[in-house]
Amino acid sequence: KLDEYVYGVYRTITSLVSITLPFIILPVVKKFKPLKLLKYASLSIATC
């Protein structure tokens, strides 16, 4: 039963992560093949 603004703040915070990550992780994208990243993502998403 939280206010819409609280939900908006939650979405905003998670979105800030989306802004900062791309160039930080670009070396990871170039280093690892997509298949390996898919394996890691499935385990990480399930755990979180």
ModelCIF file with pLDDT and N, C-alpha, C, O atoms, coordinates in Angstrom:
data_MODEL
#
_entry.id   MODEL 
#
_entity.id                         1 
_entity.type                       polymer 
_entity.pdbx_number_of_molecules   1 
#
_entity_poly.entity_id                      1 
_entity_poly.type                           'polypeptide(L)' 
_entity_poly.nstd_linkage                   no 
_entity_poly.nstd_monomer                   no 
_entity_poly.pdbx_seq_one_letter_code       KLDEYVYGVYRTITSLVSITLPFIILPVVKKFKPLKLLKYASLSIATC 
_entity_poly.pdbx_seq_one_letter_code_can   KLDEYVYGVYRTITSLVSITLPFIILPVVKKFKPLKLLKYASLSIATC 
_entity_poly.pdbx_strand_id                 A 
#
loop_
_entity_poly_seq.entity_id 
_entity_poly_seq.num 
_entity_poly_seq.mon_id 
_entity_poly_seq.hetero 
1 1  LYS n 
1 2  LEU n 
1 3  ASP n 
1 4  GLU n 
1 5  TYR n 
1 6  VAL n 
1 7  TYR n 
1 8  GLY n 
1 9  VAL n 
1 10 TYR n 
1 11 ARG n 
1 12 THR n 
1 13 ILE n 
1 14 THR n 
1 15 SER n 
1 16 LEU n 
1 17 VAL n 
1 18 SER n 
1 19 ILE n 
1 20 THR n 
1 21 LEU n 
1 22 PRO n 
1 23 PHE n 
1 24 ILE n 
1 25 ILE n 
1 26 LEU n 
1 27 PRO n 
1 28 VAL n 
1 29 VAL n 
1 30 LYS n 
1 31 LYS n 
1 32 PHE n 
1 33 LYS n 
1 34 PRO n 
1 35 LEU n 
1 36 LYS n 
1 37 LEU n 
1 38 LEU n 
1 39 LYS n 
1 40 TYR n 
1 41 ALA n 
1 42 SER n 
1 43 LEU n 
1 44 SER n 
1 45 ILE n 
1 46 ALA n 
1 47 THR n 
1 48 CYS n 
#
_struct_asym.id          A 
_struct_asym.entity_id   1 
#
loop_
_ma_qa_metric.id 
_ma_qa_metric.mode 
_ma_qa_metric.name 
_ma_qa_metric.software_group_id 
_ma_qa_metric.type 
1 global pLDDT . pLDDT 
2 local  pLDDT . pLDDT 
#
_ma_qa_metric_global.metric_id      1 
_ma_qa_metric_global.metric_value   81.71 
_ma_qa_metric_global.model_id       1 
_ma_qa_metric_global.ordinal_id     1 
#
loop_
_ma_qa_metric_local.label_asym_id 
_ma_qa_metric_local.label_comp_id 
_ma_qa_metric_local.label_seq_id 
_ma_qa_metric_local.metric_id 
_ma_qa_metric_local.metric_value 
_ma_qa_metric_local.model_id 
_ma_qa_metric_local.ordinal_id 
A LYS 1  2 84.00 1 1  
A LEU 2  2 83.00 1 2  
A ASP 3  2 79.00 1 3  
A GLU 4  2 74.00 1 4  
A TYR 5  2 77.00 1 5  
A VAL 6  2 84.00 1 6  
A TYR 7  2 81.00 1 7  
A GLY 8  2 77.00 1 8  
A VAL 9  2 83.00 1 9  
A TYR 10 2 86.00 1 10 
A ARG 11 2 80.00 1 11 
A THR 12 2 78.00 1 12 
A ILE 13 2 85.00 1 13 
A THR 14 2 83.00 1 14 
A SER 15 2 76.00 1 15 
A LEU 16 2 79.00 1 16 
A VAL 17 2 81.00 1 17 
A SER 18 2 75.00 1 18 
A ILE 19 2 73.00 1 19 
A THR 20 2 75.00 1 20 
A LEU 21 2 75.00 1 21 
A PRO 22 2 70.00 1 22 
A PHE 23 2 67.00 1 23 
A ILE 24 2 75.00 1 24 
A ILE 25 2 75.00 1 25 
A LEU 26 2 70.00 1 26 
A PRO 27 2 73.00 1 27 
A VAL 28 2 73.00 1 28 
A VAL 29 2 73.00 1 29 
A LYS 30 2 73.00 1 30 
A LYS 31 2 78.00 1 31 
A PHE 32 2 80.00 1 32 
A LYS 33 2 84.00 1 33 
A PRO 34 2 86.00 1 34 
A LEU 35 2 87.00 1 35 
A LYS 36 2 88.00 1 36 
A LEU 37 2 88.00 1 37 
A LEU 38 2 90.00 1 38 
A LYS 39 2 91.00 1 39 
A TYR 40 2 90.00 1 40 
A ALA 41 2 90.00 1 41 
A SER 42 2 92.00 1 42 
A LEU 43 2 93.00 1 43 
A SER 44 2 92.00 1 44 
A ILE 45 2 93.00 1 45 
A ALA 46 2 94.00 1 46 
A THR 47 2 95.00 1 47 
A CYS 48 2 94.00 1 48 
#
loop_
_atom_site.group_PDB 
_atom_site.id 
_atom_site.type_symbol 
_atom_site.label_atom_id 
_atom_site.label_alt_id 
_atom_site.label_comp_id 
_atom_site.label_asym_id 
_atom_site.label_entity_id 
_atom_site.label_seq_id 
_atom_site.pdbx_PDB_ins_code 
_atom_site.Cartn_x 
_atom_site.Cartn_y 
_atom_site.Cartn_z 
_atom_site.occupancy 
_atom_site.B_iso_or_equiv 
_atom_site.pdbx_formal_charge 
_atom_site.auth_seq_id 
_atom_site.auth_comp_id 
_atom_site.auth_asym_id 
_atom_site.auth_atom_id 
_atom_site.pdbx_PDB_model_num 
ATOM 1   N N  . LYS A 1 1  ? 0.822  -1.219  0.000   1.00 84.00 ? 1  LYS A N  1 
ATOM 2   C CA . LYS A 1 1  ? 0.000  0.000   0.000   1.00 84.00 ? 1  LYS A CA 1 
ATOM 3   C C  . LYS A 1 1  ? 0.854  1.265   0.000   1.00 84.00 ? 1  LYS A C  1 
ATOM 4   O O  . LYS A 1 1  ? 0.571  2.215   0.731   1.00 84.00 ? 1  LYS A O  1 
ATOM 5   N N  . LEU A 1 2  ? 1.888  1.269   -0.817  1.00 83.00 ? 2  LEU A N  1 
ATOM 6   C CA . LEU A 1 2  ? 2.792  2.415   -0.881  1.00 83.00 ? 2  LEU A CA 1 
ATOM 7   C C  . LEU A 1 2  ? 2.309  3.416   -1.921  1.00 83.00 ? 2  LEU A C  1 
ATOM 8   O O  . LEU A 1 2  ? 1.546  3.076   -2.824  1.00 83.00 ? 2  LEU A O  1 
ATOM 9   N N  . ASP A 1 3  ? 2.764  4.650   -1.780  1.00 79.00 ? 3  ASP A N  1 
ATOM 10  C CA . ASP A 1 3  ? 2.398  5.722   -2.704  1.00 79.00 ? 3  ASP A CA 1 
ATOM 11  C C  . ASP A 1 3  ? 3.040  5.478   -4.074  1.00 79.00 ? 3  ASP A C  1 
ATOM 12  O O  . ASP A 1 3  ? 4.079  4.825   -4.172  1.00 79.00 ? 3  ASP A O  1 
ATOM 13  N N  . GLU A 1 4  ? 2.408  6.014   -5.139  1.00 74.00 ? 4  GLU A N  1 
ATOM 14  C CA . GLU A 1 4  ? 2.963  5.877   -6.490  1.00 74.00 ? 4  GLU A CA 1 
ATOM 15  C C  . GLU A 1 4  ? 4.370  6.438   -6.587  1.00 74.00 ? 4  GLU A C  1 
ATOM 16  O O  . GLU A 1 4  ? 5.188  5.939   -7.360  1.00 74.00 ? 4  GLU A O  1 
ATOM 17  N N  . TYR A 1 5  ? 4.660  7.482   -5.802  1.00 77.00 ? 5  TYR A N  1 
ATOM 18  C CA . TYR A 1 5  ? 5.981  8.093   -5.841  1.00 77.00 ? 5  TYR A CA 1 
ATOM 19  C C  . TYR A 1 5  ? 7.057  7.133   -5.336  1.00 77.00 ? 5  TYR A C  1 
ATOM 20  O O  . TYR A 1 5  ? 8.173  7.122   -5.856  1.00 77.00 ? 5  TYR A O  1 
ATOM 21  N N  . VAL A 1 6  ? 6.727  6.330   -4.329  1.00 84.00 ? 6  VAL A N  1 
ATOM 22  C CA . VAL A 1 6  ? 7.688  5.356   -3.806  1.00 84.00 ? 6  VAL A CA 1 
ATOM 23  C C  . VAL A 1 6  ? 8.028  4.344   -4.893  1.00 84.00 ? 6  VAL A C  1 
ATOM 24  O O  . VAL A 1 6  ? 9.190  3.989   -5.089  1.00 84.00 ? 6  VAL A O  1 
ATOM 25  N N  . TYR A 1 7  ? 7.001  3.890   -5.590  1.00 81.00 ? 7  TYR A N  1 
ATOM 26  C CA . TYR A 1 7  ? 7.228  2.973   -6.698  1.00 81.00 ? 7  TYR A CA 1 
ATOM 27  C C  . TYR A 1 7  ? 8.054  3.656   -7.795  1.00 81.00 ? 7  TYR A C  1 
ATOM 28  O O  . TYR A 1 7  ? 8.938  3.040   -8.391  1.00 81.00 ? 7  TYR A O  1 
ATOM 29  N N  . GLY A 1 8  ? 7.761  4.915   -8.049  1.00 77.00 ? 8  GLY A N  1 
ATOM 30  C CA . GLY A 1 8  ? 8.527  5.665   -9.041  1.00 77.00 ? 8  GLY A CA 1 
ATOM 31  C C  . GLY A 1 8  ? 9.979  5.813   -8.655  1.00 77.00 ? 8  GLY A C  1 
ATOM 32  O O  . GLY A 1 8  ? 10.863 5.715   -9.507  1.00 77.00 ? 8  GLY A O  1 
ATOM 33  N N  . VAL A 1 9  ? 10.240 6.050   -7.367  1.00 83.00 ? 9  VAL A N  1 
ATOM 34  C CA . VAL A 1 9  ? 11.619 6.165   -6.874  1.00 83.00 ? 9  VAL A CA 1 
ATOM 35  C C  . VAL A 1 9  ? 12.360 4.843   -7.066  1.00 83.00 ? 9  VAL A C  1 
ATOM 36  O O  . VAL A 1 9  ? 13.515 4.821   -7.492  1.00 83.00 ? 9  VAL A O  1 
ATOM 37  N N  . TYR A 1 10 ? 11.684 3.749   -6.747  1.00 86.00 ? 10 TYR A N  1 
ATOM 38  C CA . TYR A 1 10 ? 12.280 2.410   -6.931  1.00 86.00 ? 10 TYR A CA 1 
ATOM 39  C C  . TYR A 1 10 ? 12.685 2.202   -8.389  1.00 86.00 ? 10 TYR A C  1 
ATOM 40  O O  . TYR A 1 10 ? 13.798 1.757   -8.666  1.00 86.00 ? 10 TYR A O  1 
ATOM 41  N N  . ARG A 1 11 ? 11.791 2.521   -9.314  1.00 80.00 ? 11 ARG A N  1 
ATOM 42  C CA . ARG A 1 11 ? 12.100 2.361   -10.733 1.00 80.00 ? 11 ARG A CA 1 
ATOM 43  C C  . ARG A 1 11 ? 13.224 3.297   -11.168 1.00 80.00 ? 11 ARG A C  1 
ATOM 44  O O  . ARG A 1 11 ? 14.042 2.940   -12.016 1.00 80.00 ? 11 ARG A O  1 
ATOM 45  N N  . THR A 1 12 ? 13.262 4.487   -10.590 1.00 78.00 ? 12 THR A N  1 
ATOM 46  C CA . THR A 1 12 ? 14.305 5.448   -10.939 1.00 78.00 ? 12 THR A CA 1 
ATOM 47  C C  . THR A 1 12 ? 15.675 4.968   -10.476 1.00 78.00 ? 12 THR A C  1 
ATOM 48  O O  . THR A 1 12 ? 16.653 5.077   -11.215 1.00 78.00 ? 12 THR A O  1 
ATOM 49  N N  . ILE A 1 13 ? 15.750 4.441   -9.268  1.00 85.00 ? 13 ILE A N  1 
ATOM 50  C CA . ILE A 1 13 ? 17.029 3.948   -8.739  1.00 85.00 ? 13 ILE A CA 1 
ATOM 51  C C  . ILE A 1 13 ? 17.566 2.802   -9.593  1.00 85.00 ? 13 ILE A C  1 
ATOM 52  O O  . ILE A 1 13 ? 18.743 2.787   -9.954  1.00 85.00 ? 13 ILE A O  1 
ATOM 53  N N  . THR A 1 14 ? 16.706 1.852   -9.909  1.00 83.00 ? 14 THR A N  1 
ATOM 54  C CA . THR A 1 14 ? 17.165 0.727   -10.729 1.00 83.00 ? 14 THR A CA 1 
ATOM 55  C C  . THR A 1 14 ? 17.578 1.203   -12.126 1.00 83.00 ? 14 THR A C  1 
ATOM 56  O O  . THR A 1 14 ? 18.463 0.620   -12.752 1.00 83.00 ? 14 THR A O  1 
ATOM 57  N N  . SER A 1 15 ? 16.940 2.249   -12.599 1.00 76.00 ? 15 SER A N  1 
ATOM 58  C CA . SER A 1 15 ? 17.283 2.782   -13.913 1.00 76.00 ? 15 SER A CA 1 
ATOM 59  C C  . SER A 1 15 ? 18.626 3.495   -13.906 1.00 76.00 ? 15 SER A C  1 
ATOM 60  O O  . SER A 1 15 ? 19.344 3.478   -14.906 1.00 76.00 ? 15 SER A O  1 
ATOM 61  N N  . LEU A 1 16 ? 18.970 4.119   -12.789 1.00 79.00 ? 16 LEU A N  1 
ATOM 62  C CA . LEU A 1 16 ? 20.282 4.766   -12.679 1.00 79.00 ? 16 LEU A CA 1 
ATOM 63  C C  . LEU A 1 16 ? 21.407 3.751   -12.864 1.00 79.00 ? 16 LEU A C  1 
ATOM 64  O O  . LEU A 1 16 ? 22.458 4.062   -13.425 1.00 79.00 ? 16 LEU A O  1 
ATOM 65  N N  . VAL A 1 17 ? 21.170 2.552   -12.389 1.00 81.00 ? 17 VAL A N  1 
ATOM 66  C CA . VAL A 1 17 ? 22.143 1.479   -12.595 1.00 81.00 ? 17 VAL A CA 1 
ATOM 67  C C  . VAL A 1 17 ? 22.293 1.194   -14.085 1.00 81.00 ? 17 VAL A C  1 
ATOM 68  O O  . VAL A 1 17 ? 23.393 0.925   -14.567 1.00 81.00 ? 17 VAL A O  1 
ATOM 69  N N  . SER A 1 18 ? 21.181 1.255   -14.807 1.00 75.00 ? 18 SER A N  1 
ATOM 70  C CA . SER A 1 18 ? 21.210 0.998   -16.245 1.00 75.00 ? 18 SER A CA 1 
ATOM 71  C C  . SER A 1 18 ? 22.023 2.041   -17.006 1.00 75.00 ? 18 SER A C  1 
ATOM 72  O O  . SER A 1 18 ? 22.572 1.750   -18.068 1.00 75.00 ? 18 SER A O  1 
ATOM 73  N N  . ILE A 1 19 ? 22.099 3.253   -16.464 1.00 73.00 ? 19 ILE A N  1 
ATOM 74  C CA . ILE A 1 19 ? 22.870 4.311   -17.116 1.00 73.00 ? 19 ILE A CA 1 
ATOM 75  C C  . ILE A 1 19 ? 24.363 4.116   -16.899 1.00 73.00 ? 19 ILE A C  1 
ATOM 76  O O  . ILE A 1 19 ? 25.162 4.301   -17.818 1.00 73.00 ? 19 ILE A O  1 
ATOM 77  N N  . THR A 1 20 ? 24.733 3.744   -15.689 1.00 75.00 ? 20 THR A N  1 
ATOM 78  C CA . THR A 1 20 ? 26.159 3.666   -15.344 1.00 75.00 ? 20 THR A CA 1 
ATOM 79  C C  . THR A 1 20 ? 26.837 2.390   -15.830 1.00 75.00 ? 20 THR A C  1 
ATOM 80  O O  . THR A 1 20 ? 28.054 2.370   -16.018 1.00 75.00 ? 20 THR A O  1 
ATOM 81  N N  . LEU A 1 21 ? 26.077 1.342   -16.031 1.00 75.00 ? 21 LEU A N  1 
ATOM 82  C CA . LEU A 1 21 ? 26.675 0.039   -16.331 1.00 75.00 ? 21 LEU A CA 1 
ATOM 83  C C  . LEU A 1 21 ? 27.250 -0.141  -17.741 1.00 75.00 ? 21 LEU A C  1 
ATOM 84  O O  . LEU A 1 21 ? 28.330 -0.720  -17.863 1.00 75.00 ? 21 LEU A O  1 
ATOM 85  N N  . PRO A 1 22 ? 26.588 0.324   -18.820 1.00 70.00 ? 22 PRO A N  1 
ATOM 86  C CA . PRO A 1 22 ? 26.991 -0.095  -20.162 1.00 70.00 ? 22 PRO A CA 1 
ATOM 87  C C  . PRO A 1 22 ? 28.470 0.038   -20.484 1.00 70.00 ? 22 PRO A C  1 
ATOM 88  O O  . PRO A 1 22 ? 29.071 -0.901  -21.005 1.00 70.00 ? 22 PRO A O  1 
ATOM 89  N N  . PHE A 1 23 ? 29.067 1.184   -20.185 1.00 67.00 ? 23 PHE A N  1 
ATOM 90  C CA . PHE A 1 23 ? 30.468 1.377   -20.556 1.00 67.00 ? 23 PHE A CA 1 
ATOM 91  C C  . PHE A 1 23 ? 31.416 0.705   -19.571 1.00 67.00 ? 23 PHE A C  1 
ATOM 92  O O  . PHE A 1 23 ? 32.562 0.407   -19.907 1.00 67.00 ? 23 PHE A O  1 
ATOM 93  N N  . ILE A 1 24 ? 30.935 0.469   -18.358 1.00 75.00 ? 24 ILE A N  1 
ATOM 94  C CA . ILE A 1 24 ? 31.734 -0.271  -17.385 1.00 75.00 ? 24 ILE A CA 1 
ATOM 95  C C  . ILE A 1 24 ? 31.874 -1.726  -17.818 1.00 75.00 ? 24 ILE A C  1 
ATOM 96  O O  . ILE A 1 24 ? 32.940 -2.328  -17.685 1.00 75.00 ? 24 ILE A O  1 
ATOM 97  N N  . ILE A 1 25 ? 30.783 -2.278  -18.338 1.00 75.00 ? 25 ILE A N  1 
ATOM 98  C CA . ILE A 1 25 ? 30.776 -3.702  -18.681 1.00 75.00 ? 25 ILE A CA 1 
ATOM 99  C C  . ILE A 1 25 ? 31.169 -3.974  -20.129 1.00 75.00 ? 25 ILE A C  1 
ATOM 100 O O  . ILE A 1 25 ? 31.243 -5.137  -20.526 1.00 75.00 ? 25 ILE A O  1 
ATOM 101 N N  . LEU A 1 26 ? 31.425 -2.937  -20.934 1.00 70.00 ? 26 LEU A N  1 
ATOM 102 C CA . LEU A 1 26 ? 31.765 -3.151  -22.340 1.00 70.00 ? 26 LEU A CA 1 
ATOM 103 C C  . LEU A 1 26 ? 32.984 -4.062  -22.512 1.00 70.00 ? 26 LEU A C  1 
ATOM 104 O O  . LEU A 1 26 ? 32.971 -4.916  -23.398 1.00 70.00 ? 26 LEU A O  1 
ATOM 105 N N  . PRO A 1 27 ? 34.044 -3.913  -21.694 1.00 73.00 ? 27 PRO A N  1 
ATOM 106 C CA . PRO A 1 27 ? 35.165 -4.861  -21.805 1.00 73.00 ? 27 PRO A CA 1 
ATOM 107 C C  . PRO A 1 27 ? 34.744 -6.307  -21.543 1.00 73.00 ? 27 PRO A C  1 
ATOM 108 O O  . PRO A 1 27 ? 35.283 -7.234  -22.147 1.00 73.00 ? 27 PRO A O  1 
ATOM 109 N N  . VAL A 1 28 ? 33.777 -6.495  -20.639 1.00 73.00 ? 28 VAL A N  1 
ATOM 110 C CA . VAL A 1 28 ? 33.279 -7.849  -20.355 1.00 73.00 ? 28 VAL A CA 1 
ATOM 111 C C  . VAL A 1 28 ? 32.564 -8.407  -21.578 1.00 73.00 ? 28 VAL A C  1 
ATOM 112 O O  . VAL A 1 28 ? 32.718 -9.579  -21.920 1.00 73.00 ? 28 VAL A O  1 
ATOM 113 N N  . VAL A 1 29 ? 31.781 -7.553  -22.235 1.00 73.00 ? 29 VAL A N  1 
ATOM 114 C CA . VAL A 1 29 ? 31.041 -7.980  -23.428 1.00 73.00 ? 29 VAL A CA 1 
ATOM 115 C C  . VAL A 1 29 ? 32.009 -8.416  -24.526 1.00 73.00 ? 29 VAL A C  1 
ATOM 116 O O  . VAL A 1 29 ? 31.763 -9.404  -25.218 1.00 73.00 ? 29 VAL A O  1 
ATOM 117 N N  . LYS A 1 30 ? 33.103 -7.681  -24.683 1.00 73.00 ? 30 LYS A N  1 
ATOM 118 C CA . LYS A 1 30 ? 34.073 -7.998  -25.728 1.00 73.00 ? 30 LYS A CA 1 
ATOM 119 C C  . LYS A 1 30 ? 34.920 -9.217  -25.376 1.00 73.00 ? 30 LYS A C  1 
ATOM 120 O O  . LYS A 1 30 ? 35.424 -9.908  -26.261 1.00 73.00 ? 30 LYS A O  1 
ATOM 121 N N  . LYS A 1 31 ? 35.072 -9.475  -24.072 1.00 78.00 ? 31 LYS A N  1 
ATOM 122 C CA . LYS A 1 31 ? 35.943 -10.566 -23.624 1.00 78.00 ? 31 LYS A CA 1 
ATOM 123 C C  . LYS A 1 31 ? 35.237 -11.919 -23.643 1.00 78.00 ? 31 LYS A C  1 
ATOM 124 O O  . LYS A 1 31 ? 35.829 -12.923 -24.041 1.00 78.00 ? 31 LYS A O  1 
ATOM 125 N N  . PHE A 1 32 ? 33.965 -11.952 -23.212 1.00 80.00 ? 32 PHE A N  1 
ATOM 126 C CA . PHE A 1 32 ? 33.250 -13.220 -23.081 1.00 80.00 ? 32 PHE A CA 1 
ATOM 127 C C  . PHE A 1 32 ? 32.258 -13.419 -24.229 1.00 80.00 ? 32 PHE A C  1 
ATOM 128 O O  . PHE A 1 32 ? 31.669 -12.466 -24.739 1.00 80.00 ? 32 PHE A O  1 
ATOM 129 N N  . LYS A 1 33 ? 32.095 -14.661 -24.614 1.00 84.00 ? 33 LYS A N  1 
ATOM 130 C CA . LYS A 1 33 ? 31.142 -14.986 -25.663 1.00 84.00 ? 33 LYS A CA 1 
ATOM 131 C C  . LYS A 1 33 ? 29.713 -14.933 -25.108 1.00 84.00 ? 33 LYS A C  1 
ATOM 132 O O  . LYS A 1 33 ? 29.502 -15.149 -23.915 1.00 84.00 ? 33 LYS A O  1 
ATOM 133 N N  . PRO A 1 34 ? 28.733 -14.646 -25.975 1.00 86.00 ? 34 PRO A N  1 
ATOM 134 C CA . PRO A 1 34 ? 27.337 -14.535 -25.512 1.00 86.00 ? 34 PRO A CA 1 
ATOM 135 C C  . PRO A 1 34 ? 26.842 -15.776 -24.776 1.00 86.00 ? 34 PRO A C  1 
ATOM 136 O O  . PRO A 1 34 ? 26.068 -15.656 -23.826 1.00 86.00 ? 34 PRO A O  1 
ATOM 137 N N  . LEU A 1 35 ? 27.270 -16.961 -25.195 1.00 87.00 ? 35 LEU A N  1 
ATOM 138 C CA . LEU A 1 35 ? 26.797 -18.194 -24.560 1.00 87.00 ? 35 LEU A CA 1 
ATOM 139 C C  . LEU A 1 35 ? 27.213 -18.260 -23.097 1.00 87.00 ? 35 LEU A C  1 
ATOM 140 O O  . LEU A 1 35 ? 26.428 -18.685 -22.249 1.00 87.00 ? 35 LEU A O  1 
ATOM 141 N N  . LYS A 1 36 ? 28.433 -17.847 -22.795 1.00 88.00 ? 36 LYS A N  1 
ATOM 142 C CA . LYS A 1 36 ? 28.906 -17.845 -21.412 1.00 88.00 ? 36 LYS A CA 1 
ATOM 143 C C  . LYS A 1 36 ? 28.131 -16.835 -20.578 1.00 88.00 ? 36 LYS A C  1 
ATOM 144 O O  . LYS A 1 36 ? 27.805 -17.095 -19.420 1.00 88.00 ? 36 LYS A O  1 
ATOM 145 N N  . LEU A 1 37 ? 27.839 -15.691 -21.169 1.00 88.00 ? 37 LEU A N  1 
ATOM 146 C CA . LEU A 1 37 ? 27.060 -14.669 -20.470 1.00 88.00 ? 37 LEU A CA 1 
ATOM 147 C C  . LEU A 1 37 ? 25.635 -15.151 -20.208 1.00 88.00 ? 37 LEU A C  1 
ATOM 148 O O  . LEU A 1 37 ? 25.045 -14.808 -19.184 1.00 88.00 ? 37 LEU A O  1 
ATOM 149 N N  . LEU A 1 38 ? 25.079 -15.945 -21.125 1.00 90.00 ? 38 LEU A N  1 
ATOM 150 C CA . LEU A 1 38 ? 23.742 -16.498 -20.945 1.00 90.00 ? 38 LEU A CA 1 
ATOM 151 C C  . LEU A 1 38 ? 23.704 -17.462 -19.761 1.00 90.00 ? 38 LEU A C  1 
ATOM 152 O O  . LEU A 1 38 ? 22.752 -17.452 -18.981 1.00 90.00 ? 38 LEU A O  1 
ATOM 153 N N  . LYS A 1 39 ? 24.726 -18.284 -19.627 1.00 91.00 ? 39 LYS A N  1 
ATOM 154 C CA . LYS A 1 39 ? 24.809 -19.217 -18.495 1.00 91.00 ? 39 LYS A CA 1 
ATOM 155 C C  . LYS A 1 39 ? 24.854 -18.455 -17.169 1.00 91.00 ? 39 LYS A C  1 
ATOM 156 O O  . LYS A 1 39 ? 24.136 -18.782 -16.224 1.00 91.00 ? 39 LYS A O  1 
ATOM 157 N N  . TYR A 1 40 ? 25.708 -17.436 -17.120 1.00 90.00 ? 40 TYR A N  1 
ATOM 158 C CA . TYR A 1 40 ? 25.845 -16.651 -15.894 1.00 90.00 ? 40 TYR A CA 1 
ATOM 159 C C  . TYR A 1 40 ? 24.536 -15.937 -15.554 1.00 90.00 ? 40 TYR A C  1 
ATOM 160 O O  . TYR A 1 40 ? 24.121 -15.907 -14.396 1.00 90.00 ? 40 TYR A O  1 
ATOM 161 N N  . ALA A 1 41 ? 23.890 -15.362 -16.574 1.00 90.00 ? 41 ALA A N  1 
ATOM 162 C CA . ALA A 1 41 ? 22.659 -14.596 -16.346 1.00 90.00 ? 41 ALA A CA 1 
ATOM 163 C C  . ALA A 1 41 ? 21.549 -15.477 -15.779 1.00 90.00 ? 41 ALA A C  1 
ATOM 164 O O  . ALA A 1 41 ? 20.815 -15.044 -14.891 1.00 90.00 ? 41 ALA A O  1 
ATOM 165 N N  . SER A 1 42 ? 21.416 -16.706 -16.279 1.00 92.00 ? 42 SER A N  1 
ATOM 166 C CA . SER A 1 42 ? 20.334 -17.577 -15.813 1.00 92.00 ? 42 SER A CA 1 
ATOM 167 C C  . SER A 1 42 ? 20.473 -17.889 -14.326 1.00 92.00 ? 42 SER A C  1 
ATOM 168 O O  . SER A 1 42 ? 19.484 -17.867 -13.594 1.00 92.00 ? 42 SER A O  1 
ATOM 169 N N  . LEU A 1 43 ? 21.691 -18.180 -13.875 1.00 93.00 ? 43 LEU A N  1 
ATOM 170 C CA . LEU A 1 43 ? 21.919 -18.463 -12.454 1.00 93.00 ? 43 LEU A CA 1 
ATOM 171 C C  . LEU A 1 43 ? 21.721 -17.223 -11.596 1.00 93.00 ? 43 LEU A C  1 
ATOM 172 O O  . LEU A 1 43 ? 21.094 -17.280 -10.538 1.00 93.00 ? 43 LEU A O  1 
ATOM 173 N N  . SER A 1 44 ? 22.260 -16.107 -12.061 1.00 92.00 ? 44 SER A N  1 
ATOM 174 C CA . SER A 1 44 ? 22.178 -14.866 -11.294 1.00 92.00 ? 44 SER A CA 1 
ATOM 175 C C  . SER A 1 44 ? 20.742 -14.379 -11.151 1.00 92.00 ? 44 SER A C  1 
ATOM 176 O O  . SER A 1 44 ? 20.330 -13.970 -10.066 1.00 92.00 ? 44 SER A O  1 
ATOM 177 N N  . ILE A 1 45 ? 19.971 -14.420 -12.247 1.00 93.00 ? 45 ILE A N  1 
ATOM 178 C CA . ILE A 1 45 ? 18.567 -13.980 -12.213 1.00 93.00 ? 45 ILE A CA 1 
ATOM 179 C C  . ILE A 1 45 ? 17.761 -14.854 -11.268 1.00 93.00 ? 45 ILE A C  1 
ATOM 180 O O  . ILE A 1 45 ? 16.968 -14.347 -10.475 1.00 93.00 ? 45 ILE A O  1 
ATOM 181 N N  . ALA A 1 46 ? 17.961 -16.178 -11.348 1.00 94.00 ? 46 ALA A N  1 
ATOM 182 C CA . ALA A 1 46 ? 17.217 -17.102 -10.486 1.00 94.00 ? 46 ALA A CA 1 
ATOM 183 C C  . ALA A 1 46 ? 17.498 -16.825 -9.011  1.00 94.00 ? 46 ALA A C  1 
ATOM 184 O O  . ALA A 1 46 ? 16.582 -16.814 -8.189  1.00 94.00 ? 46 ALA A O  1 
ATOM 185 N N  . THR A 1 47 ? 18.775 -16.600 -8.681  1.00 95.00 ? 47 THR A N  1 
ATOM 186 C CA . THR A 1 47 ? 19.155 -16.338 -7.291  1.00 95.00 ? 47 THR A CA 1 
ATOM 187 C C  . THR A 1 47 ? 18.550 -15.039 -6.777  1.00 95.00 ? 47 THR A C  1 
ATOM 188 O O  . THR A 1 47 ? 18.009 -14.991 -5.672  1.00 95.00 ? 47 THR A O  1 
ATOM 189 N N  . CYS A 1 48 ? 18.645 -13.984 -7.588  1.00 94.00 ? 48 CYS A N  1 
ATOM 190 C CA . CYS A 1 48 ? 18.137 -12.675 -7.157  1.00 94.00 ? 48 CYS A CA 1 
ATOM 191 C C  . CYS A 1 48 ? 16.613 -12.669 -7.028  1.00 94.00 ? 48 CYS A C  1 
ATOM 192 O O  . CYS A 1 48 ? 16.027 -11.646 -6.675  1.00 94.00 ? 48 CYS A O  1 
#
